[in-house]
């Protein structure tokens, strides 16, 4: 876990695919994030690279991280009743 590894960040991963939007970040890195943004940083991956992190495997939950961008994709991935 984060405490055991002295991590500042835990990021979700399925197999070899990280999911950087799904993360747990320690509050004490907020000043670091503020400095990153004030310096013009915008890409989350670049900020994450400056932190001590662990990846948390969700290999049995791949569908939970499906990328849905349109209403059609949402409808196609909606749970089926019945």
PDB file of N, CA and C in Angstrom:
ATOM      1  N   UNK A   1       0.813  -1.195   0.000  1.00  0.00           N
ATOM      2  CA  UNK A   1       0.000   0.000   0.000  1.00  0.00           C
ATOM      3  C   UNK A   1       0.854   1.254   0.000  1.00  0.00           C
ATOM      4  N   UNK A   2       0.185   2.379   0.052  1.00  0.00           N
ATOM      5  CA  UNK A   2       0.877   3.664   0.029  1.00  0.00           C
ATOM      6  C   UNK A   2       1.781   3.831   1.243  1.00  0.00           C
ATOM      7  N   UNK A   3       1.284   3.485   2.431  1.00  0.00           N
ATOM      8  CA  UNK A   3       2.062   3.685   3.654  1.00  0.00           C
ATOM      9  C   UNK A   3       3.296   2.792   3.681  1.00  0.00           C
ATOM     10  N   UNK A   4       3.130   1.549   3.298  1.00  0.00           N
ATOM     11  CA  UNK A   4       4.245   0.599   3.312  1.00  0.00           C
ATOM     12  C   UNK A   4       5.350   1.051   2.368  1.00  0.00           C
ATOM     13  N   UNK A   5       4.979   1.589   1.221  1.00  0.00           N
ATOM     14  CA  UNK A   5       5.945   2.002   0.206  1.00  0.00           C
ATOM     15  C   UNK A   5       6.320   3.474   0.301  1.00  0.00           C
ATOM     16  N   UNK A   6       5.831   4.177   1.329  1.00  0.00           N
ATOM     17  CA  UNK A   6       6.054   5.614   1.481  1.00  0.00           C
ATOM     18  C   UNK A   6       5.673   6.360   0.203  1.00  0.00           C
ATOM     19  N   UNK A   7       4.601   5.915  -0.429  1.00  0.00           N
ATOM     20  CA  UNK A   7       4.150   6.520  -1.682  1.00  0.00           C
ATOM     21  C   UNK A   7       3.324   7.776  -1.416  1.00  0.00           C
ATOM     22  N   UNK A   8       3.402   8.696  -2.360  1.00  0.00           N
ATOM     23  CA  UNK A   8       2.587   9.908  -2.314  1.00  0.00           C
ATOM     24  C   UNK A   8       1.343   9.756  -3.185  1.00  0.00           C
ATOM     25  N   UNK A   9       1.354   8.725  -4.017  1.00  0.00           N
ATOM     26  CA  UNK A   9       0.325   8.557  -5.026  1.00  0.00           C
ATOM     27  C   UNK A   9       0.094   7.071  -5.287  1.00  0.00           C
ATOM     28  N   UNK A  10      -1.162   6.676  -5.397  1.00  0.00           N
ATOM     29  CA  UNK A  10      -1.522   5.323  -5.829  1.00  0.00           C
ATOM     30  C   UNK A  10      -2.374   5.458  -7.086  1.00  0.00           C
ATOM     31  N   UNK A  11      -1.978   4.779  -8.150  1.00  0.00           N
ATOM     32  CA  UNK A  11      -2.650   4.883  -9.447  1.00  0.00           C
ATOM     33  C   UNK A  11      -3.224   3.524  -9.834  1.00  0.00           C
ATOM     34  N   UNK A  12      -4.449   3.535 -10.342  1.00  0.00           N
ATOM     35  CA  UNK A  12      -5.088   2.303 -10.799  1.00  0.00           C
ATOM     36  C   UNK A  12      -4.404   1.790 -12.068  1.00  0.00           C
ATOM     37  N   UNK A  13      -4.367   0.447 -12.197  1.00  0.00           N
ATOM     38  CA  UNK A  13      -3.777  -0.190 -13.379  1.00  0.00           C
ATOM     39  C   UNK A  13      -4.552  -1.465 -13.668  1.00  0.00           C
ATOM     40  N   UNK A  14      -4.769  -1.731 -14.966  1.00  0.00           N
ATOM     41  CA  UNK A  14      -5.304  -3.017 -15.405  1.00  0.00           C
ATOM     42  C   UNK A  14      -4.275  -3.637 -16.341  1.00  0.00           C
ATOM     43  N   UNK A  15      -3.781  -4.792 -15.963  1.00  0.00           N
ATOM     44  CA  UNK A  15      -2.712  -5.469 -16.699  1.00  0.00           C
ATOM     45  C   UNK A  15      -1.572  -4.486 -16.939  1.00  0.00           C
ATOM     46  N   UNK A  16      -1.245  -4.148 -18.178  1.00  0.00           N
ATOM     47  CA  UNK A  16      -0.145  -3.217 -18.454  1.00  0.00           C
ATOM     48  C   UNK A  16      -0.620  -1.789 -18.685  1.00  0.00           C
ATOM     49  N   UNK A  17      -1.897  -1.510 -18.480  1.00  0.00           N
ATOM     50  CA  UNK A  17      -2.466  -0.200 -18.792  1.00  0.00           C
ATOM     51  C   UNK A  17      -2.719   0.615 -17.523  1.00  0.00           C
ATOM     52  N   UNK A  18      -1.937   1.695 -17.298  1.00  0.00           N
ATOM     53  CA  UNK A  18      -2.243   2.558 -16.158  1.00  0.00           C
ATOM     54  C   UNK A  18      -3.473   3.415 -16.459  1.00  0.00           C
ATOM     55  N   UNK A  19      -4.168   3.812 -15.410  1.00  0.00           N
ATOM     56  CA  UNK A  19      -5.349   4.676 -15.531  1.00  0.00           C
ATOM     57  C   UNK A  19      -5.133   5.882 -14.620  1.00  0.00           C
ATOM     58  N   UNK A  20      -4.354   6.869 -15.086  1.00  0.00           N
ATOM     59  CA  UNK A  20      -3.919   7.961 -14.217  1.00  0.00           C
ATOM     60  C   UNK A  20      -5.033   8.848 -13.670  1.00  0.00           C
ATOM     61  N   UNK A  21      -6.188   8.851 -14.292  1.00  0.00           N
ATOM     62  CA  UNK A  21      -7.290   9.671 -13.777  1.00  0.00           C
ATOM     63  C   UNK A  21      -7.832   9.086 -12.475  1.00  0.00           C
ATOM     64  N   UNK A  22      -7.659   7.785 -12.292  1.00  0.00           N
ATOM     65  CA  UNK A  22      -8.144   7.103 -11.091  1.00  0.00           C
ATOM     66  C   UNK A  22      -6.974   6.939 -10.126  1.00  0.00           C
ATOM     67  N   UNK A  23      -6.912   7.829  -9.147  1.00  0.00           N
ATOM     68  CA  UNK A  23      -5.754   7.846  -8.260  1.00  0.00           C
ATOM     69  C   UNK A  23      -6.142   8.289  -6.853  1.00  0.00           C
ATOM     70  N   UNK A  24      -5.308   7.910  -5.929  1.00  0.00           N
ATOM     71  CA  UNK A  24      -5.394   8.354  -4.547  1.00  0.00           C
ATOM     72  C   UNK A  24      -4.109   9.126  -4.282  1.00  0.00           C
ATOM     73  N   UNK A  25      -4.258  10.403  -3.889  1.00  0.00           N
ATOM     74  CA  UNK A  25      -3.107  11.281  -3.711  1.00  0.00           C
ATOM     75  C   UNK A  25      -3.095  11.799  -2.274  1.00  0.00           C
ATOM     76  N   UNK A  26      -1.945  11.754  -1.645  1.00  0.00           N
ATOM     77  CA  UNK A  26      -1.839  12.286  -0.285  1.00  0.00           C
ATOM     78  C   UNK A  26      -2.021  13.804  -0.294  1.00  0.00           C
ATOM     79  N   UNK A  27      -2.734  14.309   0.694  1.00  0.00           N
ATOM     80  CA  UNK A  27      -2.993  15.748   0.781  1.00  0.00           C
ATOM     81  C   UNK A  27      -1.724  16.569   0.939  1.00  0.00           C
ATOM     82  N   UNK A  28      -0.716  16.009   1.544  1.00  0.00           N
ATOM     83  CA  UNK A  28       0.483  16.811   1.790  1.00  0.00           C
ATOM     84  C   UNK A  28       1.280  17.123   0.522  1.00  0.00           C
ATOM     85  N   UNK A  29       0.869  16.604  -0.640  1.00  0.00           N
ATOM     86  CA  UNK A  29       1.533  16.972  -1.895  1.00  0.00           C
ATOM     87  C   UNK A  29       0.816  18.123  -2.598  1.00  0.00           C
ATOM     88  N   UNK A  30      -0.235  18.668  -1.981  1.00  0.00           N
ATOM     89  CA  UNK A  30      -0.967  19.784  -2.592  1.00  0.00           C
ATOM     90  C   UNK A  30      -0.059  20.972  -2.921  1.00  0.00           C
ATOM     91  N   UNK A  31       0.853  21.394  -2.033  1.00  0.00           N
ATOM     92  CA  UNK A  31       1.753  22.489  -2.413  1.00  0.00           C
ATOM     93  C   UNK A  31       2.608  22.145  -3.635  1.00  0.00           C
ATOM     94  N   UNK A  32       3.009  20.895  -3.742  1.00  0.00           N
ATOM     95  CA  UNK A  32       3.789  20.439  -4.897  1.00  0.00           C
ATOM     96  C   UNK A  32       2.959  20.561  -6.175  1.00  0.00           C
ATOM     97  N   UNK A  33       1.679  20.181  -6.103  1.00  0.00           N
ATOM     98  CA  UNK A  33       0.784  20.315  -7.253  1.00  0.00           C
ATOM     99  C   UNK A  33       0.591  21.781  -7.608  1.00  0.00           C
ATOM    100  N   UNK A  34       0.394  22.630  -6.609  1.00  0.00           N
ATOM    101  CA  UNK A  34       0.216  24.064  -6.860  1.00  0.00           C
ATOM    102  C   UNK A  34       1.437  24.645  -7.566  1.00  0.00           C
ATOM    103  N   UNK A  35       2.630  24.252  -7.141  1.00  0.00           N
ATOM    104  CA  UNK A  35       3.857  24.732  -7.785  1.00  0.00           C
ATOM    105  C   UNK A  35       3.961  24.222  -9.215  1.00  0.00           C
ATOM    106  N   UNK A  36       3.585  22.968  -9.432  1.00  0.00           N
ATOM    107  CA  UNK A  36       3.600  22.388 -10.778  1.00  0.00           C
ATOM    108  C   UNK A  36       2.681  23.182 -11.705  1.00  0.00           C
ATOM    109  N   UNK A  37       1.470  23.470 -11.245  1.00  0.00           N
ATOM    110  CA  UNK A  37       0.512  24.229 -12.055  1.00  0.00           C
ATOM    111  C   UNK A  37       0.973  25.666 -12.261  1.00  0.00           C
ATOM    112  N   UNK A  38       1.507  26.292 -11.214  1.00  0.00           N
ATOM    113  CA  UNK A  38       1.996  27.670 -11.324  1.00  0.00           C
ATOM    114  C   UNK A  38       3.154  27.774 -12.311  1.00  0.00           C
ATOM    115  N   UNK A  39       3.920  26.694 -12.437  1.00  0.00           N
ATOM    116  CA  UNK A  39       5.034  26.666 -13.377  1.00  0.00           C
ATOM    117  C   UNK A  39       4.619  26.320 -14.797  1.00  0.00           C
ATOM    118  N   UNK A  40       3.313  26.198 -15.030  1.00  0.00           N
ATOM    119  CA  UNK A  40       2.815  25.917 -16.371  1.00  0.00           C
ATOM    120  C   UNK A  40       2.557  24.451 -16.651  1.00  0.00           C
ATOM    121  N   UNK A  41       2.813  23.587 -15.681  1.00  0.00           N
ATOM    122  CA  UNK A  41       2.567  22.160 -15.876  1.00  0.00           C
ATOM    123  C   UNK A  41       1.088  21.875 -16.035  1.00  0.00           C
ATOM    124  N   UNK A  42       0.752  20.990 -16.950  1.00  0.00           N
ATOM    125  CA  UNK A  42      -0.648  20.639 -17.181  1.00  0.00           C
ATOM    126  C   UNK A  42      -0.868  19.138 -17.356  1.00  0.00           C
ATOM    127  N   UNK A  43       0.139  18.414 -17.785  1.00  0.00           N
ATOM    128  CA  UNK A  43      -0.042  16.978 -18.043  1.00  0.00           C
ATOM    129  C   UNK A  43       0.127  16.193 -16.749  1.00  0.00           C
ATOM    130  N   UNK A  44      -0.929  15.490 -16.389  1.00  0.00           N
ATOM    131  CA  UNK A  44      -0.943  14.737 -15.139  1.00  0.00           C
ATOM    132  C   UNK A  44       0.192  13.716 -15.079  1.00  0.00           C
ATOM    133  N   UNK A  45       0.524  13.111 -16.205  1.00  0.00           N
ATOM    134  CA  UNK A  45       1.604  12.117 -16.230  1.00  0.00           C
ATOM    135  C   UNK A  45       2.946  12.740 -15.845  1.00  0.00           C
ATOM    136  N   UNK A  46       3.180  13.978 -16.269  1.00  0.00           N
ATOM    137  CA  UNK A  46       4.437  14.648 -15.933  1.00  0.00           C
ATOM    138  C   UNK A  46       4.514  14.925 -14.434  1.00  0.00           C
ATOM    139  N   UNK A  47       3.387  15.335 -13.846  1.00  0.00           N
ATOM    140  CA  UNK A  47       3.376  15.583 -12.404  1.00  0.00           C
ATOM    141  C   UNK A  47       3.556  14.275 -11.643  1.00  0.00           C
ATOM    142  N   UNK A  48       2.823  13.251 -12.050  1.00  0.00           N
ATOM    143  CA  UNK A  48       2.937  11.947 -11.392  1.00  0.00           C
ATOM    144  C   UNK A  48       4.375  11.441 -11.399  1.00  0.00           C
ATOM    145  N   UNK A  49       5.101  11.708 -12.471  1.00  0.00           N
ATOM    146  CA  UNK A  49       6.476  11.215 -12.601  1.00  0.00           C
ATOM    147  C   UNK A  49       7.402  11.807 -11.540  1.00  0.00           C
ATOM    148  N   UNK A  50       6.998  12.904 -10.919  1.00  0.00           N
ATOM    149  CA  UNK A  50       7.828  13.541  -9.898  1.00  0.00           C
ATOM    150  C   UNK A  50       7.516  13.029  -8.495  1.00  0.00           C
ATOM    151  N   UNK A  51       6.526  12.152  -8.370  1.00  0.00           N
ATOM    152  CA  UNK A  51       6.085  11.653  -7.068  1.00  0.00           C
ATOM    153  C   UNK A  51       6.493  10.199  -6.859  1.00  0.00           C
ATOM    154  N   UNK A  52       6.579   9.817  -5.590  1.00  0.00           N
ATOM    155  CA  UNK A  52       6.758   8.400  -5.254  1.00  0.00           C
ATOM    156  C   UNK A  52       5.384   7.749  -5.398  1.00  0.00           C
ATOM    157  N   UNK A  53       5.297   6.710  -6.225  1.00  0.00           N
ATOM    158  CA  UNK A  53       3.974   6.144  -6.491  1.00  0.00           C
ATOM    159  C   UNK A  53       3.980   4.627  -6.483  1.00  0.00           C
ATOM    160  N   UNK A  54       2.788   4.109  -6.294  1.00  0.00           N
ATOM    161  CA  UNK A  54       2.539   2.679  -6.429  1.00  0.00           C
ATOM    162  C   UNK A  54       1.382   2.520  -7.400  1.00  0.00           C
ATOM    163  N   UNK A  55       1.374   1.402  -8.098  1.00  0.00           N
ATOM    164  CA  UNK A  55       0.245   1.077  -8.960  1.00  0.00           C
ATOM    165  C   UNK A  55      -0.579  -0.002  -8.277  1.00  0.00           C
ATOM    166  N   UNK A  56      -1.887   0.144  -8.361  1.00  0.00           N
ATOM    167  CA  UNK A  56      -2.808  -0.803  -7.750  1.00  0.00           C
ATOM    168  C   UNK A  56      -3.498  -1.571  -8.870  1.00  0.00           C
ATOM    169  N   UNK A  57      -3.321  -2.884  -8.885  1.00  0.00           N
ATOM    170  CA  UNK A  57      -3.858  -3.724  -9.961  1.00  0.00           C
ATOM    171  C   UNK A  57      -5.357  -3.944  -9.798  1.00  0.00           C
ATOM    172  N   UNK A  58      -6.067  -3.716 -10.887  1.00  0.00           N
ATOM    173  CA  UNK A  58      -7.491  -4.018 -10.991  1.00  0.00           C
ATOM    174  C   UNK A  58      -7.702  -4.934 -12.194  1.00  0.00           C
ATOM    175  N   UNK A  59      -6.865  -5.958 -12.320  1.00  0.00           N
ATOM    176  CA  UNK A  59      -6.899  -6.831 -13.490  1.00  0.00           C
ATOM    177  C   UNK A  59      -8.228  -7.555 -13.660  1.00  0.00           C
ATOM    178  N   UNK A  60      -8.963  -7.751 -12.584  1.00  0.00           N
ATOM    179  CA  UNK A  60     -10.259  -8.429 -12.689  1.00  0.00           C
ATOM    180  C   UNK A  60     -11.415  -7.448 -12.881  1.00  0.00           C
ATOM    181  N   UNK A  61     -11.099  -6.161 -13.054  1.00  0.00           N
ATOM    182  CA  UNK A  61     -12.131  -5.129 -13.220  1.00  0.00           C
ATOM    183  C   UNK A  61     -11.862  -4.254 -14.444  1.00  0.00           C
ATOM    184  N   UNK A  62     -11.379  -4.838 -15.521  1.00  0.00           N
ATOM    185  CA  UNK A  62     -10.997  -4.078 -16.713  1.00  0.00           C
ATOM    186  C   UNK A  62     -12.135  -3.204 -17.220  1.00  0.00           C
ATOM    187  N   UNK A  63     -13.355  -3.716 -17.224  1.00  0.00           N
ATOM    188  CA  UNK A  63     -14.488  -2.953 -17.751  1.00  0.00           C
ATOM    189  C   UNK A  63     -14.803  -1.709 -16.931  1.00  0.00           C
ATOM    190  N   UNK A  64     -14.374  -1.664 -15.695  1.00  0.00           N
ATOM    191  CA  UNK A  64     -14.635  -0.498 -14.849  1.00  0.00           C
ATOM    192  C   UNK A  64     -13.901   0.743 -15.346  1.00  0.00           C
ATOM    193  N   UNK A  65     -12.899   0.564 -16.181  1.00  0.00           N
ATOM    194  CA  UNK A  65     -12.089   1.679 -16.660  1.00  0.00           C
ATOM    195  C   UNK A  65     -12.304   1.962 -18.149  1.00  0.00           C
ATOM    196  N   UNK A  66     -13.422   1.532 -18.663  1.00  0.00           N
ATOM    197  CA  UNK A  66     -13.734   1.740 -20.077  1.00  0.00           C
ATOM    198  C   UNK A  66     -13.853   3.238 -20.364  1.00  0.00           C
ATOM    199  N   UNK A  67     -13.287   3.683 -21.471  1.00  0.00           N
ATOM    200  CA  UNK A  67     -13.333   5.087 -21.870  1.00  0.00           C
ATOM    201  C   UNK A  67     -14.607   5.337 -22.670  1.00  0.00           C
ATOM    202  N   UNK A  68     -15.484   6.165 -22.135  1.00  0.00           N
ATOM    203  CA  UNK A  68     -16.765   6.472 -22.782  1.00  0.00           C
ATOM    204  C   UNK A  68     -16.828   7.971 -23.026  1.00  0.00           C
ATOM    205  N   UNK A  69     -16.972   8.361 -24.304  1.00  0.00           N
ATOM    206  CA  UNK A  69     -16.942   9.775 -24.676  1.00  0.00           C
ATOM    207  C   UNK A  69     -18.223  10.289 -25.305  1.00  0.00           C
ATOM    208  N   UNK A  70     -19.110   9.405 -25.729  1.00  0.00           N
ATOM    209  CA  UNK A  70     -20.332   9.846 -26.404  1.00  0.00           C
ATOM    210  C   UNK A  70     -21.543   9.166 -25.778  1.00  0.00           C
ATOM    211  N   UNK A  71     -22.719   9.713 -26.052  1.00  0.00           N
ATOM    212  CA  UNK A  71     -23.947   9.085 -25.566  1.00  0.00           C
ATOM    213  C   UNK A  71     -24.143   7.705 -26.181  1.00  0.00           C
ATOM    214  N   UNK A  72     -23.748   7.545 -27.439  1.00  0.00           N
ATOM    215  CA  UNK A  72     -23.852   6.234 -28.085  1.00  0.00           C
ATOM    216  C   UNK A  72     -22.972   5.203 -27.378  1.00  0.00           C
ATOM    217  N   UNK A  73     -21.741   5.599 -27.018  1.00  0.00           N
ATOM    218  CA  UNK A  73     -20.856   4.691 -26.288  1.00  0.00           C
ATOM    219  C   UNK A  73     -21.427   4.379 -24.905  1.00  0.00           C
ATOM    220  N   UNK A  74     -22.027   5.374 -24.276  1.00  0.00           N
ATOM    221  CA  UNK A  74     -22.644   5.154 -22.971  1.00  0.00           C
ATOM    222  C   UNK A  74     -23.783   4.149 -23.081  1.00  0.00           C
ATOM    223  N   UNK A  75     -24.642   4.333 -24.084  1.00  0.00           N
ATOM    224  CA  UNK A  75     -25.766   3.417 -24.281  1.00  0.00           C
ATOM    225  C   UNK A  75     -25.272   2.003 -24.599  1.00  0.00           C
ATOM    226  N   UNK A  76     -24.232   1.908 -25.414  1.00  0.00           N
ATOM    227  CA  UNK A  76     -23.702   0.596 -25.792  1.00  0.00           C
ATOM    228  C   UNK A  76     -23.083  -0.137 -24.601  1.00  0.00           C
ATOM    229  N   UNK A  77     -22.655   0.600 -23.595  1.00  0.00           N
ATOM    230  CA  UNK A  77     -22.004  -0.004 -22.432  1.00  0.00           C
ATOM    231  C   UNK A  77     -22.874  -0.019 -21.187  1.00  0.00           C
ATOM    232  N   UNK A  78     -24.141   0.349 -21.339  1.00  0.00           N
ATOM    233  CA  UNK A  78     -25.056   0.359 -20.194  1.00  0.00           C
ATOM    234  C   UNK A  78     -25.350  -1.069 -19.750  1.00  0.00           C
ATOM    235  N   UNK A  79     -25.519  -1.258 -18.442  1.00  0.00           N
ATOM    236  CA  UNK A  79     -25.881  -2.602 -17.966  1.00  0.00           C
ATOM    237  C   UNK A  79     -27.211  -3.043 -18.567  1.00  0.00           C
ATOM    238  N   UNK A  80     -27.291  -4.281 -18.917  1.00  0.00           N
ATOM    239  CA  UNK A  80     -28.521  -4.844 -19.491  1.00  0.00           C
ATOM    240  C   UNK A  80     -29.385  -5.397 -18.369  1.00  0.00           C
ATOM    241  N   UNK A  81     -30.660  -5.055 -18.374  1.00  0.00           N
ATOM    242  CA  UNK A  81     -31.566  -5.612 -17.363  1.00  0.00           C
ATOM    243  C   UNK A  81     -32.130  -6.930 -17.872  1.00  0.00           C
ATOM    244  N   UNK A  82     -32.524  -7.748 -16.940  1.00  0.00           N
ATOM    245  CA  UNK A  82     -33.185  -8.947 -17.388  1.00  0.00           C
ATOM    246  C   UNK A  82     -32.643 -10.163 -16.857  1.00  0.00           C
TER     247      UNK A  82
END
